[in-house]
Amino acid sequence: MYILKRLIIREWYRFFFSGIVILFLLVAIANLISGFLRDNVTGSEVILNFLLESPKYINQILPVACLVASLFCINKLKNRNELTAIFAAGYSRKKFLLNIVQASLFIAAFQFILSAYIKPYAKGKRGTLIDNYESKFRNLKSKGLKASTIGSGKIWYKSASYYFSFSTFDKFNNILNDITLFRFDQNYLLKSKIIGEKLVFKEGKSWTLHNGVTYDFLNNKDFPVVSKKDLYELTLNEVPEDFRQIQADITTLNFFSLWTYIRTLNQAGINTNEYLVILLDQISSSLICIIFSLIAAIAIFNPNRRNSSFGKNIVFVFVFTILYWLIYSWFTELGRTSKLNPYLACFSVPVLFTGYLAYYLNKNKQIT
């Protein structure tokens, strides 16, 4: 029985890696050609950008490769009558499916590591390795906060005559939370400090500080003047759009940093559905690898090779993949825009497929 298990897993991985290579080459050719057609980047920058984006592409390819692996592995065993021989030798379909699950578990684990750690790390290196990255690759948009600011719990920003820190920025209501502002004179000596609960944008460059405390004349030898106000009008050089621009890509945060960041936003009363979808998608995409492997493996309940066709398998993979990504993308977009609960947005499709698998296996439990 161990020999049969090794045969099944070996064939599955053989088709899995073949599928990965073919799909990745297709993606690579399309993206490199598109990159080389740009007139504002060099060839080395195109290649470097593709390498940094590769974890994202592999992340999208892995579930499809799992589907291909199960489908073509079983198709090969059928065509050589090996599948019938395996079951005739007393190897149950249940054991066969468990072997597929065991093989796909490693892929699911790698998928999680890739999406939760490797992909964010690679994205975080784009601005460092490629000069003027945002202007050269404008179609690749960023969102969220800078990873380096999360560790201290504060985001620091410097302007012409002051610098300040804040914990979070509510882009929907244009509010900076937990603000601390330091002003300095022409000699770069600290002259005033302002602390407030939140800074609310009004119009132009006018902001309103709520529950503020100011410390003035810090650059004098006398004691500073301290004043408290419920509302305090401030003029800043920045407008809300500037804070949206200085915010870096939240997808550069790894799984636990992103989870910590979401908790911080929740405590500030900010809607985090958009970011929660990113977090949950890392888990959902890992589970999909196992589910796709099992969906394609239900072909073992019909081991007759007359019912298998290479062309039909290709069409099935293409149609199934397109439908899956369209439906899943639609659900996640609903989650990002708060039209659907993030958990429902990310797990509805996997649960639906799991329900179908459970129904099909229960229907054929007599021959498992």
Protein backbone atom coordinates (compact mmCIF):
# COMPACT_ATOMS: atom_id res chain seq x y z
CA MET A 1 0.00 0.00 0.00
CA TYR A 2 2.93 2.33 0.66
CA ILE A 3 4.06 1.85 -2.94
CA LEU A 4 0.61 2.88 -4.20
CA LYS A 5 0.59 5.94 -1.95
CA ARG A 6 4.02 6.97 -3.21
CA LEU A 7 2.87 6.47 -6.81
CA ILE A 8 -0.18 8.70 -6.33
CA ILE A 9 1.69 11.49 -4.56
CA ARG A 10 4.61 11.35 -7.02
CA GLU A 11 2.31 11.66 -10.02
CA TRP A 12 0.37 14.47 -8.32
CA TYR A 13 3.50 16.52 -7.64
CA ARG A 14 4.81 15.85 -11.14
CA PHE A 15 1.75 17.43 -12.72
CA PHE A 16 1.65 20.14 -10.06
CA PHE A 17 5.16 21.39 -10.84
CA SER A 18 4.54 21.04 -14.58
CA GLY A 19 1.43 23.18 -14.20
CA ILE A 20 3.33 25.76 -12.14
CA VAL A 21 6.06 26.07 -14.77
CA ILE A 22 3.66 26.38 -17.71
CA LEU A 23 1.33 28.87 -16.02
CA PHE A 24 4.22 30.94 -14.66
CA LEU A 25 5.86 31.11 -18.09
CA LEU A 26 2.61 32.36 -19.62
CA VAL A 27 2.32 35.05 -16.95
CA ALA A 28 6.01 35.95 -17.27
CA ILE A 29 5.87 36.37 -21.04
CA ALA A 30 2.76 38.55 -20.88
CA ASN A 31 4.12 40.79 -18.11
CA LEU A 32 7.63 41.13 -19.48
CA ILE A 33 6.37 42.06 -22.94
CA SER A 34 4.06 44.65 -21.38
CA GLY A 35 6.94 45.98 -19.29
CA PHE A 36 9.40 46.24 -22.18
CA LEU A 37 6.85 48.31 -24.12
CA ARG A 38 7.06 51.05 -21.47
CA ASP A 39 9.22 53.97 -22.54
CA ASN A 40 10.01 55.27 -19.05
CA VAL A 41 11.77 52.20 -17.62
CA THR A 42 14.91 50.25 -18.45
CA GLY A 43 15.03 46.55 -19.24
CA SER A 44 16.71 45.75 -15.94
CA GLU A 45 13.99 47.60 -14.04
CA VAL A 46 11.28 45.64 -15.85
CA ILE A 47 12.94 42.34 -14.97
CA LEU A 48 13.57 43.41 -11.37
CA ASN A 49 9.97 44.57 -10.98
CA PHE A 50 8.71 41.26 -12.37
CA LEU A 51 10.87 39.32 -9.91
CA LEU A 52 9.49 41.38 -7.02
CA GLU A 53 5.94 40.84 -8.30
CA SER A 54 6.50 37.10 -8.84
CA PRO A 55 5.21 36.08 -5.38
CA LYS A 56 1.89 37.71 -6.25
CA TYR A 57 1.65 35.81 -9.53
CA ILE A 58 2.64 32.50 -7.91
CA ASN A 59 0.05 33.18 -5.22
CA GLN A 60 -2.63 33.30 -7.93
CA ILE A 61 -1.24 30.31 -9.82
CA LEU A 62 -0.92 27.81 -6.96
CA PRO A 63 -4.66 27.00 -6.58
CA VAL A 64 -4.97 26.45 -10.33
CA ALA A 65 -1.86 24.26 -10.29
CA CYS A 66 -3.47 22.13 -7.56
CA LEU A 67 -6.55 21.73 -9.74
CA VAL A 68 -4.36 20.77 -12.71
CA ALA A 69 -2.34 18.32 -10.62
CA SER A 70 -5.35 16.32 -9.42
CA LEU A 71 -7.15 16.40 -12.75
CA PHE A 72 -4.24 15.30 -14.95
CA CYS A 73 -2.80 12.89 -12.40
CA ILE A 74 -6.09 10.97 -12.34
CA ASN A 75 -6.42 11.28 -16.12
CA LYS A 76 -3.01 9.68 -16.61
CA LEU A 77 -3.79 6.86 -14.18
CA LYS A 78 -7.07 6.26 -16.03
CA ASN A 79 -5.50 6.13 -19.48
CA ARG A 80 -2.94 3.56 -18.34
CA ASN A 81 -5.57 1.54 -16.46
CA GLU A 82 -3.55 2.12 -13.29
CA LEU A 83 -6.48 3.74 -11.46
CA THR A 84 -8.65 0.66 -11.92
CA ALA A 85 -5.75 -1.55 -10.84
CA ILE A 86 -5.19 0.56 -7.71
CA PHE A 87 -8.79 0.15 -6.59
CA ALA A 88 -8.84 -3.53 -7.58
CA ALA A 89 -5.84 -4.07 -5.29
CA GLY A 90 -7.97 -2.96 -2.34
CA TYR A 91 -6.80 0.66 -2.16
CA SER A 92 -9.94 2.61 -1.25
CA ARG A 93 -11.03 5.89 -2.77
CA LYS A 94 -11.01 7.37 0.72
CA LYS A 95 -7.27 6.65 1.02
CA PHE A 96 -6.74 8.08 -2.45
CA LEU A 97 -8.42 11.34 -1.44
CA LEU A 98 -6.43 11.45 1.80
CA ASN A 99 -3.23 11.17 -0.24
CA ILE A 100 -4.37 14.14 -2.33
CA VAL A 101 -5.09 16.11 0.86
CA GLN A 102 -1.65 15.25 2.26
CA ALA A 103 0.03 16.41 -0.92
CA SER A 104 -1.98 19.64 -1.11
CA LEU A 105 -1.44 20.46 2.58
CA PHE A 106 2.20 21.30 1.89
CA ILE A 107 1.13 23.54 -0.98
CA ALA A 108 -1.47 25.24 1.22
CA ALA A 109 1.16 25.89 3.90
CA PHE A 110 3.54 27.33 1.31
CA GLN A 111 0.69 29.42 -0.10
CA PHE A 112 0.08 30.97 3.32
CA ILE A 113 3.79 31.70 3.89
CA LEU A 114 4.01 33.16 0.39
CA SER A 115 0.99 35.46 0.73
CA ALA A 116 1.47 36.37 4.39
CA TYR A 117 5.25 36.91 4.50
CA ILE A 118 7.16 36.57 1.21
CA LYS A 119 4.84 38.70 -0.93
CA PRO A 120 4.70 41.60 1.59
CA TYR A 121 8.49 41.49 1.99
CA ALA A 122 9.03 41.61 -1.78
CA LYS A 123 6.59 44.49 -2.16
CA GLY A 124 8.35 46.40 0.57
CA LYS A 125 11.61 46.25 -1.39
CA ARG A 126 10.22 47.77 -4.60
CA GLY A 127 10.73 51.39 -3.58
CA THR A 128 14.26 50.63 -2.36
CA LEU A 129 15.49 48.68 -5.38
CA ILE A 130 13.75 50.69 -8.13
CA ASP A 131 14.19 54.48 -8.28
CA ASN A 132 10.94 56.46 -8.61
CA TYR A 133 8.99 53.25 -8.50
CA GLU A 134 5.53 54.82 -8.17
CA SER A 135 6.00 57.08 -11.20
CA LYS A 136 7.40 54.29 -13.38
CA PHE A 137 4.77 51.69 -12.54
CA ARG A 138 1.68 53.83 -12.01
CA ASN A 139 -0.76 50.98 -12.60
CA LEU A 140 0.45 49.26 -9.42
CA LYS A 141 -1.36 51.21 -6.72
CA SER A 142 -0.56 51.18 -3.02
CA LYS A 143 -2.81 51.46 -0.04
CA GLY A 144 -2.59 51.48 3.73
CA LEU A 145 0.15 52.55 6.09
CA LYS A 146 3.89 52.21 6.06
CA ALA A 147 5.21 49.09 7.78
CA SER A 148 8.08 50.91 9.46
CA THR A 149 5.62 53.13 11.33
CA ILE A 150 3.67 50.28 12.88
CA GLY A 151 6.31 49.09 15.31
CA SER A 152 6.27 52.32 17.36
CA GLY A 153 2.53 52.71 17.02
CA LYS A 154 3.04 56.22 15.57
CA ILE A 155 3.44 57.69 12.12
CA TRP A 156 5.93 60.55 11.94
CA TYR A 157 5.78 63.29 9.33
CA LYS A 158 8.03 66.35 8.79
CA SER A 159 6.98 69.57 7.10
CA ALA A 160 8.79 72.87 6.50
CA SER A 161 8.54 74.34 10.02
CA TYR A 162 7.15 71.49 12.10
CA TYR A 163 6.94 67.77 12.46
CA PHE A 164 4.25 65.68 14.07
CA SER A 165 3.09 62.17 14.83
CA PHE A 166 -0.30 60.49 14.72
CA SER A 167 -1.54 56.97 15.38
CA THR A 168 -4.03 56.54 12.53
CA PHE A 169 -5.55 58.46 9.64
CA ASP A 170 -9.26 58.07 8.93
CA LYS A 171 -9.36 58.64 5.18
CA PHE A 172 -13.16 58.58 5.07
CA ASN A 173 -13.66 61.37 7.64
CA ASN A 174 -10.29 63.13 7.14
CA ILE A 175 -9.25 62.77 10.79
CA LEU A 176 -5.76 62.35 12.25
CA ASN A 177 -5.99 60.55 15.59
CA ASP A 178 -3.76 60.96 18.65
CA ILE A 179 -1.83 63.94 17.30
CA THR A 180 1.43 65.41 18.68
CA LEU A 181 2.88 68.41 16.81
CA PHE A 182 6.27 70.09 17.32
CA ARG A 183 7.09 73.51 15.83
CA PHE A 184 10.65 74.81 15.50
CA ASP A 185 12.14 78.22 14.68
CA GLN A 186 14.61 79.26 11.97
CA ASN A 187 17.45 77.92 14.12
CA TYR A 188 15.69 74.56 14.37
CA LEU A 189 15.05 75.05 18.08
CA LEU A 190 11.82 73.67 19.47
CA LYS A 191 9.43 76.55 20.18
CA SER A 192 6.04 74.88 20.78
CA LYS A 193 4.40 71.53 21.32
CA ILE A 194 0.74 70.67 20.70
CA ILE A 195 -0.99 67.50 21.89
CA GLY A 196 -4.54 66.59 20.94
CA GLU A 197 -7.06 63.78 20.76
CA LYS A 198 -7.70 64.24 17.05
CA LEU A 199 -7.18 66.70 14.23
CA VAL A 200 -10.18 67.20 11.93
CA PHE A 201 -9.87 68.74 8.46
CA LYS A 202 -12.15 71.74 7.72
CA GLU A 203 -11.25 73.34 4.39
CA GLY A 204 -8.26 74.66 2.51
CA LYS A 205 -5.39 74.14 4.93
CA SER A 206 -7.43 74.66 8.07
CA TRP A 207 -7.70 71.93 10.70
CA THR A 208 -9.46 71.75 14.08
CA LEU A 209 -7.72 70.16 17.06
CA HIS A 210 -10.01 68.53 19.63
CA ASN A 211 -9.14 68.42 23.34
CA GLY A 212 -5.76 70.03 22.81
CA VAL A 213 -2.94 71.14 25.10
CA THR A 214 -0.32 73.63 23.84
CA TYR A 215 3.14 74.38 25.26
CA ASP A 216 4.44 77.69 23.85
CA PHE A 217 7.78 79.56 24.08
CA LEU A 218 9.81 76.41 24.62
CA ASN A 219 12.82 78.12 23.01
CA ASN A 220 12.91 80.80 25.75
CA LYS A 221 14.66 80.53 29.09
CA ASP A 222 11.40 81.10 30.95
CA PHE A 223 8.83 78.47 31.77
CA PRO A 224 6.60 77.60 28.81
CA VAL A 225 3.04 78.86 28.58
CA VAL A 226 0.58 75.99 28.88
CA SER A 227 -3.00 76.31 27.64
CA LYS A 228 -5.86 73.86 27.24
CA LYS A 229 -8.67 74.18 24.71
CA ASP A 230 -11.52 71.92 23.67
CA LEU A 231 -11.22 73.22 20.11
CA TYR A 232 -8.06 74.68 18.63
CA GLU A 233 -7.70 75.99 15.07
CA LEU A 234 -4.50 75.00 13.28
CA THR A 235 -3.10 75.77 9.86
CA LEU A 236 -1.05 73.03 8.23
CA ASN A 237 0.64 72.91 4.86
CA GLU A 238 -0.90 69.51 4.23
CA VAL A 239 -4.39 68.49 3.13
CA PRO A 240 -6.00 65.02 3.48
CA GLU A 241 -4.86 64.03 0.00
CA ASP A 242 -1.25 64.45 1.12
CA PHE A 243 -1.75 61.92 3.88
CA ARG A 244 -3.28 59.49 1.43
CA GLN A 245 -0.20 59.89 -0.75
CA ILE A 246 2.37 59.53 2.04
CA GLN A 247 0.67 56.36 3.20
CA ALA A 248 2.60 53.44 1.83
CA ASP A 249 1.36 50.04 0.77
CA ILE A 250 -0.41 48.17 3.57
CA THR A 251 0.26 44.97 1.65
CA THR A 252 3.90 45.28 2.71
CA LEU A 253 2.82 44.21 6.21
CA ASN A 254 3.16 40.57 7.12
CA PHE A 255 0.26 38.64 8.64
CA PHE A 256 0.80 39.52 12.30
CA SER A 257 1.77 43.14 11.63
CA LEU A 258 -1.35 43.57 9.54
CA TRP A 259 -3.47 42.00 12.28
CA THR A 260 -1.95 44.39 14.84
CA TYR A 261 -2.59 47.34 12.55
CA ILE A 262 -6.23 46.35 12.07
CA ARG A 263 -6.70 46.10 15.83
CA THR A 264 -5.24 49.60 16.21
CA LEU A 265 -7.67 50.98 13.64
CA ASN A 266 -10.58 49.22 15.32
CA GLN A 267 -9.68 50.83 18.63
CA ALA A 268 -9.73 54.21 16.89
CA GLY A 269 -13.22 53.46 15.54
CA ILE A 270 -12.14 53.32 11.89
CA ASN A 271 -13.76 50.99 9.36
CA THR A 272 -11.24 48.20 8.70
CA ASN A 273 -13.21 46.03 6.27
CA GLU A 274 -10.89 46.84 3.38
CA TYR A 275 -7.83 45.72 5.34
CA LEU A 276 -9.56 42.77 6.99
CA VAL A 277 -10.34 41.36 3.53
CA ILE A 278 -6.62 41.47 2.71
CA LEU A 279 -5.85 39.57 5.92
CA LEU A 280 -8.56 36.94 5.49
CA ASP A 281 -7.70 36.44 1.84
CA GLN A 282 -4.31 35.07 2.92
CA ILE A 283 -6.09 32.30 4.83
CA SER A 284 -8.79 31.73 2.21
CA SER A 285 -6.32 31.38 -0.67
CA SER A 286 -4.48 28.67 1.30
CA LEU A 287 -7.65 26.67 1.91
CA ILE A 288 -8.58 26.95 -1.75
CA CYS A 289 -5.47 24.94 -2.70
CA ILE A 290 -6.81 21.94 -0.76
CA ILE A 291 -10.38 22.43 -2.00
CA PHE A 292 -9.32 22.69 -5.65
CA SER A 293 -7.26 19.53 -5.31
CA LEU A 294 -10.27 17.60 -3.98
CA ILE A 295 -12.76 19.02 -6.49
CA ALA A 296 -10.68 17.73 -9.39
CA ALA A 297 -10.10 14.43 -7.57
CA ILE A 298 -13.79 13.44 -7.57
CA ALA A 299 -13.08 11.97 -11.00
CA ILE A 300 -11.86 8.83 -9.19
CA PHE A 301 -15.49 7.81 -8.71
CA ASN A 302 -15.64 7.23 -12.46
CA PRO A 303 -12.40 5.40 -13.28
CA ASN A 304 -13.42 4.43 -16.83
CA ARG A 305 -10.89 5.96 -19.20
CA ARG A 306 -13.51 6.35 -21.94
CA ASN A 307 -15.01 9.18 -19.93
CA SER A 308 -11.71 11.05 -19.69
CA SER A 309 -10.34 13.38 -22.32
CA PHE A 310 -7.31 15.65 -22.37
CA GLY A 311 -9.26 18.31 -24.26
CA LYS A 312 -12.16 18.20 -21.82
CA ASN A 313 -9.75 18.57 -18.92
CA ILE A 314 -8.18 21.66 -20.47
CA VAL A 315 -11.59 23.23 -21.05
CA PHE A 316 -12.68 22.36 -17.51
CA VAL A 317 -9.58 23.96 -15.96
CA PHE A 318 -9.99 27.11 -18.05
CA VAL A 319 -13.72 27.58 -17.46
CA PHE A 320 -13.61 26.63 -13.78
CA THR A 321 -10.68 28.97 -13.07
CA ILE A 322 -12.28 31.93 -14.86
CA LEU A 323 -15.59 31.44 -13.05
CA TYR A 324 -13.89 31.03 -9.69
CA TRP A 325 -11.78 34.17 -9.94
CA LEU A 326 -14.70 36.24 -11.25
CA ILE A 327 -16.99 35.16 -8.41
CA TYR A 328 -14.31 35.36 -5.73
CA SER A 329 -13.11 38.79 -6.92
CA TRP A 330 -16.68 40.05 -6.89
CA PHE A 331 -17.22 38.83 -3.33
CA THR A 332 -13.95 40.32 -2.05
CA GLU A 333 -14.73 43.65 -3.71
CA LEU A 334 -18.07 43.68 -1.89
CA GLY A 335 -16.15 43.03 1.32
CA ARG A 336 -13.67 45.86 0.69
CA THR A 337 -16.49 48.35 0.10
CA SER A 338 -18.34 47.19 3.25
CA LYS A 339 -21.29 45.92 1.23
CA LEU A 340 -20.65 42.42 2.56
CA ASN A 341 -19.17 41.12 5.80
CA PRO A 342 -15.42 40.48 5.22
CA TYR A 343 -15.69 36.93 6.56
CA LEU A 344 -18.55 36.16 4.16
CA ALA A 345 -16.66 37.85 1.33
CA CYS A 346 -13.55 35.71 1.79
CA PHE A 347 -15.01 32.39 2.89
CA SER A 348 -18.38 32.12 1.11
CA VAL A 349 -16.90 30.61 -2.05
CA PRO A 350 -14.60 28.12 -0.22
CA VAL A 351 -17.50 27.07 2.03
CA LEU A 352 -19.74 26.65 -1.02
CA PHE A 353 -17.19 24.37 -2.70
CA THR A 354 -16.66 22.47 0.55
CA GLY A 355 -20.41 21.94 0.82
CA TYR A 356 -20.51 20.58 -2.71
CA LEU A 357 -17.63 18.21 -1.93
CA ALA A 358 -19.36 17.01 1.23
CA TYR A 359 -22.58 16.38 -0.71
CA TYR A 360 -20.79 14.52 -3.51
CA LEU A 361 -18.74 12.36 -1.14
CA ASN A 362 -21.80 11.54 0.93
CA LYS A 363 -23.64 10.59 -2.24
CA ASN A 364 -20.84 8.18 -3.20
CA LYS A 365 -19.92 7.01 0.30
CA GLN A 366 -20.87 3.42 -0.56
CA ILE A 367 -18.00 3.16 -3.02
CA THR A 368 -15.36 5.04 -1.02
